[in-house]
N, C-alpha and C. Protein backbone atom coordinates (compact mmCIF):
# COMPACT_ATOMS: atom_id res chain seq x y z
N UNK A 1 0.85 -1.17 0.00
CA UNK A 1 0.00 0.00 0.00
C UNK A 1 0.90 1.23 0.00
N UNK A 2 0.27 2.38 -0.04
CA UNK A 2 1.00 3.64 -0.18
C UNK A 2 0.69 4.57 1.00
N UNK A 3 1.71 5.26 1.48
CA UNK A 3 1.51 6.30 2.48
C UNK A 3 0.87 7.52 1.80
N UNK A 4 0.23 8.39 2.58
CA UNK A 4 -0.37 9.59 1.98
C UNK A 4 0.61 10.45 1.19
N UNK A 5 1.91 10.38 1.53
CA UNK A 5 2.90 11.18 0.80
C UNK A 5 3.41 10.48 -0.46
N UNK A 6 2.85 9.30 -0.78
CA UNK A 6 3.19 8.61 -2.02
C UNK A 6 4.27 7.55 -1.91
N UNK A 7 4.87 7.39 -0.73
CA UNK A 7 5.89 6.35 -0.59
C UNK A 7 5.24 4.98 -0.44
N UNK A 8 5.87 3.98 -1.04
CA UNK A 8 5.37 2.62 -1.05
C UNK A 8 5.76 1.90 0.23
N UNK A 9 4.82 1.10 0.77
CA UNK A 9 5.10 0.22 1.90
C UNK A 9 5.02 -1.22 1.42
N UNK A 10 5.94 -2.05 1.90
CA UNK A 10 5.91 -3.48 1.63
C UNK A 10 6.23 -4.22 2.92
N UNK A 11 5.74 -5.44 3.02
CA UNK A 11 6.01 -6.24 4.20
C UNK A 11 7.01 -7.33 3.84
N UNK A 12 8.08 -7.42 4.62
CA UNK A 12 9.02 -8.53 4.50
C UNK A 12 8.41 -9.64 5.36
N UNK A 13 7.65 -10.51 4.72
CA UNK A 13 6.76 -11.46 5.40
C UNK A 13 7.48 -12.24 6.49
N UNK A 14 8.51 -12.95 6.16
CA UNK A 14 9.17 -13.83 7.12
C UNK A 14 10.08 -13.07 8.09
N UNK A 15 10.59 -11.92 7.66
CA UNK A 15 11.47 -11.13 8.52
C UNK A 15 10.70 -10.32 9.55
N UNK A 16 9.41 -10.08 9.31
CA UNK A 16 8.61 -9.31 10.25
C UNK A 16 8.89 -7.83 10.23
N UNK A 17 9.32 -7.33 9.07
CA UNK A 17 9.63 -5.91 8.95
C UNK A 17 8.70 -5.24 7.95
N UNK A 18 8.20 -4.07 8.32
CA UNK A 18 7.46 -3.23 7.40
C UNK A 18 8.48 -2.27 6.79
N UNK A 19 8.61 -2.32 5.46
CA UNK A 19 9.61 -1.53 4.77
C UNK A 19 8.96 -0.39 3.99
N UNK A 20 9.70 0.70 3.85
CA UNK A 20 9.22 1.88 3.13
C UNK A 20 10.22 2.20 2.02
N UNK A 21 9.72 2.44 0.83
CA UNK A 21 10.60 2.80 -0.28
C UNK A 21 10.78 4.31 -0.31
N UNK A 22 12.03 4.73 -0.29
CA UNK A 22 12.36 6.15 -0.32
C UNK A 22 12.43 6.64 -1.77
N UNK A 23 12.55 7.95 -1.94
CA UNK A 23 12.57 8.56 -3.28
C UNK A 23 13.70 8.03 -4.14
N UNK A 24 14.83 7.64 -3.51
CA UNK A 24 15.96 7.12 -4.28
C UNK A 24 15.83 5.64 -4.61
N UNK A 25 14.70 5.03 -4.20
CA UNK A 25 14.45 3.62 -4.48
C UNK A 25 14.89 2.68 -3.38
N UNK A 26 15.62 3.18 -2.40
CA UNK A 26 16.08 2.31 -1.31
C UNK A 26 14.92 1.92 -0.40
N UNK A 27 15.06 0.75 0.24
CA UNK A 27 14.07 0.29 1.21
C UNK A 27 14.64 0.46 2.60
N UNK A 28 13.87 1.10 3.48
CA UNK A 28 14.27 1.30 4.87
C UNK A 28 13.19 0.72 5.78
N UNK A 29 13.59 0.34 6.98
CA UNK A 29 12.63 -0.20 7.94
C UNK A 29 11.73 0.91 8.45
N UNK A 30 10.43 0.73 8.27
CA UNK A 30 9.44 1.67 8.78
C UNK A 30 8.98 1.23 10.17
N UNK A 31 8.84 -0.10 10.36
CA UNK A 31 8.42 -0.65 11.66
C UNK A 31 8.91 -2.09 11.77
N UNK A 32 9.33 -2.45 12.98
CA UNK A 32 9.77 -3.81 13.28
C UNK A 32 8.63 -4.51 14.02
N UNK A 33 8.06 -5.54 13.40
CA UNK A 33 6.88 -6.22 13.95
C UNK A 33 7.22 -7.58 14.56
N UNK A 34 8.48 -7.95 14.62
CA UNK A 34 8.88 -9.30 15.04
C UNK A 34 8.39 -9.69 16.42
N UNK A 35 8.33 -8.77 17.35
CA UNK A 35 7.93 -9.10 18.72
C UNK A 35 6.42 -9.27 18.87
N UNK A 36 5.64 -8.94 17.84
CA UNK A 36 4.19 -8.92 17.97
C UNK A 36 3.50 -10.19 17.51
N UNK A 37 4.18 -11.03 16.74
CA UNK A 37 3.55 -12.28 16.28
C UNK A 37 4.63 -13.25 15.83
N UNK A 38 4.40 -14.54 16.13
CA UNK A 38 5.29 -15.59 15.64
C UNK A 38 4.91 -16.00 14.22
N UNK A 39 3.70 -15.69 13.80
CA UNK A 39 3.23 -16.05 12.46
C UNK A 39 3.74 -15.03 11.44
N UNK A 40 3.83 -15.43 10.17
CA UNK A 40 4.25 -14.49 9.13
C UNK A 40 3.24 -13.35 8.98
N UNK A 41 3.73 -12.19 8.55
CA UNK A 41 2.87 -11.04 8.28
C UNK A 41 2.36 -11.14 6.86
N UNK A 42 1.19 -10.54 6.58
CA UNK A 42 0.52 -10.82 5.33
C UNK A 42 0.19 -9.57 4.51
N UNK A 43 -0.62 -8.68 5.03
CA UNK A 43 -1.17 -7.58 4.22
C UNK A 43 -1.04 -6.25 4.94
N UNK A 44 -1.11 -5.19 4.14
CA UNK A 44 -1.04 -3.82 4.64
C UNK A 44 -2.21 -3.04 4.06
N UNK A 45 -2.79 -2.17 4.89
CA UNK A 45 -3.73 -1.17 4.38
C UNK A 45 -3.46 0.13 5.14
N UNK A 46 -3.52 1.25 4.43
CA UNK A 46 -3.26 2.56 5.02
C UNK A 46 -4.53 3.39 4.89
N UNK A 47 -4.94 4.03 6.01
CA UNK A 47 -6.12 4.89 5.93
C UNK A 47 -5.72 6.30 5.50
N UNK A 48 -6.70 7.15 5.30
CA UNK A 48 -6.47 8.51 4.82
C UNK A 48 -5.71 9.40 5.78
N UNK A 49 -5.60 8.98 7.05
CA UNK A 49 -4.87 9.76 8.04
C UNK A 49 -3.42 9.31 8.16
N UNK A 50 -3.07 8.22 7.44
CA UNK A 50 -1.71 7.70 7.51
C UNK A 50 -1.52 6.57 8.50
N UNK A 51 -2.60 6.12 9.15
CA UNK A 51 -2.51 4.95 10.02
C UNK A 51 -2.32 3.72 9.16
N UNK A 52 -1.43 2.84 9.57
CA UNK A 52 -1.10 1.63 8.82
C UNK A 52 -1.59 0.43 9.61
N UNK A 53 -2.35 -0.45 8.96
CA UNK A 53 -2.80 -1.70 9.57
C UNK A 53 -2.10 -2.85 8.86
N UNK A 54 -1.57 -3.79 9.63
CA UNK A 54 -0.89 -4.96 9.07
C UNK A 54 -1.48 -6.18 9.75
N UNK A 55 -1.79 -7.22 8.94
CA UNK A 55 -2.30 -8.45 9.55
C UNK A 55 -1.26 -9.55 9.49
N UNK A 56 -1.31 -10.41 10.48
CA UNK A 56 -0.38 -11.53 10.58
C UNK A 56 -1.13 -12.83 10.74
N UNK A 57 -0.49 -13.91 10.34
CA UNK A 57 -1.11 -15.23 10.36
C UNK A 57 -1.54 -15.60 8.96
N UNK A 58 -1.44 -16.85 8.63
CA UNK A 58 -1.80 -17.27 7.29
C UNK A 58 -2.26 -18.70 7.27
N UNK A 59 -2.83 -19.14 6.17
CA UNK A 59 -3.43 -20.47 6.11
C UNK A 59 -2.43 -21.60 5.98
N UNK A 60 -1.23 -21.34 5.47
CA UNK A 60 -0.29 -22.43 5.23
C UNK A 60 1.14 -21.95 5.44
N UNK A 61 1.54 -21.76 6.70
CA UNK A 61 2.91 -21.32 6.94
C UNK A 61 3.89 -22.41 6.50
N UNK A 62 5.11 -22.02 6.28
CA UNK A 62 6.15 -22.97 5.89
C UNK A 62 6.42 -23.95 7.02
N UNK A 63 6.97 -25.08 6.68
CA UNK A 63 7.28 -26.11 7.67
C UNK A 63 8.08 -25.52 8.82
N UNK A 64 7.65 -25.82 10.03
CA UNK A 64 8.34 -25.35 11.22
C UNK A 64 7.90 -23.99 11.72
N UNK A 65 7.05 -23.30 10.99
CA UNK A 65 6.58 -21.99 11.44
C UNK A 65 5.34 -22.12 12.30
N UNK A 66 5.18 -21.18 13.20
CA UNK A 66 4.02 -21.14 14.09
C UNK A 66 2.78 -20.71 13.29
N UNK A 67 1.67 -21.37 13.57
CA UNK A 67 0.40 -20.91 13.01
C UNK A 67 -0.62 -20.86 14.13
N UNK A 68 -1.25 -19.74 14.29
CA UNK A 68 -2.27 -19.59 15.30
C UNK A 68 -3.23 -18.52 14.84
N UNK A 69 -4.15 -18.16 15.69
CA UNK A 69 -5.09 -17.10 15.33
C UNK A 69 -4.33 -15.84 14.90
N UNK A 70 -4.90 -15.15 13.93
CA UNK A 70 -4.24 -13.97 13.39
C UNK A 70 -4.34 -12.76 14.29
N UNK A 71 -3.55 -11.78 13.96
CA UNK A 71 -3.52 -10.53 14.71
C UNK A 71 -3.50 -9.36 13.73
N UNK A 72 -3.96 -8.22 14.20
CA UNK A 72 -3.90 -6.97 13.43
C UNK A 72 -3.14 -5.96 14.28
N UNK A 73 -2.15 -5.31 13.68
CA UNK A 73 -1.44 -4.25 14.39
C UNK A 73 -1.67 -2.92 13.68
N UNK A 74 -1.55 -1.87 14.45
CA UNK A 74 -1.69 -0.50 13.96
C UNK A 74 -0.37 0.22 14.18
N UNK A 75 0.11 0.88 13.14
CA UNK A 75 1.27 1.76 13.25
C UNK A 75 0.76 3.16 12.93
N UNK A 76 0.83 4.04 13.92
CA UNK A 76 0.34 5.40 13.73
C UNK A 76 1.37 6.24 12.97
N UNK A 77 0.95 7.40 12.44
CA UNK A 77 1.92 8.27 11.76
C UNK A 77 3.06 8.72 12.68
N UNK A 78 2.81 8.72 14.00
CA UNK A 78 3.85 9.10 14.96
C UNK A 78 4.82 7.96 15.24
N UNK A 79 4.51 6.73 14.75
CA UNK A 79 5.39 5.59 14.95
C UNK A 79 5.00 4.65 16.06
N UNK A 80 3.91 4.93 16.77
CA UNK A 80 3.44 4.03 17.81
C UNK A 80 2.92 2.75 17.17
N UNK A 81 3.33 1.61 17.74
CA UNK A 81 2.91 0.30 17.22
C UNK A 81 2.16 -0.43 18.31
N UNK A 82 0.99 -0.98 17.98
CA UNK A 82 0.23 -1.75 18.96
C UNK A 82 -0.73 -2.71 18.30
N UNK A 83 -1.03 -3.76 19.01
CA UNK A 83 -2.02 -4.73 18.53
C UNK A 83 -3.41 -4.16 18.74
N UNK A 84 -4.25 -4.24 17.71
CA UNK A 84 -5.61 -3.72 17.81
C UNK A 84 -6.67 -4.81 17.70
N UNK A 85 -6.27 -6.02 17.29
CA UNK A 85 -7.22 -7.14 17.21
C UNK A 85 -6.42 -8.44 17.26
N UNK A 86 -7.06 -9.46 17.84
CA UNK A 86 -6.44 -10.78 17.85
C UNK A 86 -7.52 -11.83 17.61
N UNK A 87 -7.13 -13.07 17.60
CA UNK A 87 -8.05 -14.19 17.35
C UNK A 87 -8.77 -14.05 16.01
N UNK A 88 -8.09 -13.50 15.03
CA UNK A 88 -8.64 -13.35 13.69
C UNK A 88 -8.47 -14.67 12.95
N UNK A 89 -9.54 -15.12 12.29
CA UNK A 89 -9.53 -16.41 11.58
C UNK A 89 -9.01 -16.21 10.16
N UNK A 90 -7.73 -15.95 10.03
CA UNK A 90 -7.01 -15.70 8.79
C UNK A 90 -7.57 -14.51 8.03
N UNK A 91 -7.01 -13.36 8.33
CA UNK A 91 -7.37 -12.13 7.60
C UNK A 91 -6.85 -12.24 6.18
N UNK A 92 -7.76 -12.18 5.23
CA UNK A 92 -7.38 -12.30 3.82
C UNK A 92 -8.07 -11.18 3.04
N UNK A 93 -7.71 -9.98 3.38
CA UNK A 93 -8.29 -8.80 2.77
C UNK A 93 -8.68 -7.80 3.84
N UNK A 94 -8.22 -6.56 3.71
CA UNK A 94 -8.57 -5.50 4.64
C UNK A 94 -8.87 -4.24 3.85
N UNK A 95 -9.79 -3.45 4.38
CA UNK A 95 -10.13 -2.16 3.77
C UNK A 95 -10.56 -1.22 4.88
N UNK A 96 -10.34 0.06 4.66
CA UNK A 96 -10.80 1.10 5.58
C UNK A 96 -11.88 1.89 4.86
N UNK A 97 -12.98 2.16 5.57
CA UNK A 97 -14.08 2.92 4.97
C UNK A 97 -13.60 4.33 4.62
N UNK A 98 -14.23 4.97 3.63
CA UNK A 98 -13.80 6.30 3.19
C UNK A 98 -13.75 7.36 4.29
N UNK A 99 -14.57 7.19 5.34
CA UNK A 99 -14.55 8.16 6.44
C UNK A 99 -13.45 7.86 7.47
N UNK A 100 -12.63 6.83 7.21
CA UNK A 100 -11.51 6.43 8.07
C UNK A 100 -11.96 5.94 9.45
N UNK A 101 -13.21 5.58 9.61
CA UNK A 101 -13.72 5.19 10.93
C UNK A 101 -13.76 3.69 11.16
N UNK A 102 -13.80 2.87 10.10
CA UNK A 102 -13.98 1.44 10.28
C UNK A 102 -12.98 0.66 9.44
N UNK A 103 -12.28 -0.26 10.10
CA UNK A 103 -11.42 -1.22 9.42
C UNK A 103 -12.24 -2.48 9.20
N UNK A 104 -12.33 -2.94 7.96
CA UNK A 104 -13.08 -4.15 7.64
C UNK A 104 -12.08 -5.24 7.26
N UNK A 105 -12.24 -6.40 7.87
CA UNK A 105 -11.34 -7.53 7.64
C UNK A 105 -12.15 -8.71 7.13
N UNK A 106 -11.68 -9.32 6.06
CA UNK A 106 -12.28 -10.57 5.56
C UNK A 106 -11.58 -11.71 6.29
N UNK A 107 -12.34 -12.43 7.13
CA UNK A 107 -11.80 -13.58 7.86
C UNK A 107 -12.14 -14.85 7.08
N UNK A 108 -11.19 -15.32 6.30
CA UNK A 108 -11.45 -16.44 5.39
C UNK A 108 -11.85 -17.72 6.10
N UNK A 109 -11.19 -18.04 7.20
CA UNK A 109 -11.49 -19.30 7.89
C UNK A 109 -12.80 -19.25 8.67
N UNK A 110 -13.38 -18.08 8.82
CA UNK A 110 -14.67 -17.94 9.50
C UNK A 110 -15.79 -17.57 8.53
N UNK A 111 -15.46 -17.37 7.28
CA UNK A 111 -16.44 -16.98 6.24
C UNK A 111 -17.25 -15.76 6.66
N UNK A 112 -16.52 -14.71 7.11
CA UNK A 112 -17.23 -13.50 7.55
C UNK A 112 -16.37 -12.26 7.31
N UNK A 113 -17.06 -11.13 7.31
CA UNK A 113 -16.41 -9.83 7.34
C UNK A 113 -16.58 -9.28 8.75
N UNK A 114 -15.50 -8.73 9.30
CA UNK A 114 -15.55 -8.17 10.64
C UNK A 114 -15.12 -6.71 10.56
N UNK A 115 -15.88 -5.84 11.21
CA UNK A 115 -15.56 -4.42 11.23
C UNK A 115 -15.11 -3.97 12.60
N UNK A 116 -14.11 -3.10 12.63
CA UNK A 116 -13.60 -2.53 13.87
C UNK A 116 -13.65 -1.02 13.74
N UNK A 117 -14.28 -0.36 14.73
CA UNK A 117 -14.35 1.10 14.74
C UNK A 117 -13.19 1.67 15.54
């Protein structure tokens, strides 16, 4: 996904790092998520205020990797990182409503959409 200033964000899935592409093309660490989940990280969505949501956990981790209920973390524009949801049944798609008030998560293993205000 993209930050409001146009810089690209990517997740280094197995490393647990959220990376940001700078104007010169280099990738720098935007946030270190390793302490927040043993499962691989999966997706990123950014709201209109610059809040970044990242989900962790997946349906088929590599041999020897931990798999458990998923988690959602929030990285604020100020750099604060915190878990905002847990026990997610494999988040496989996230979106923020246009008013920036609700994060919607598609929980594939539960066959449902879940909204968080």
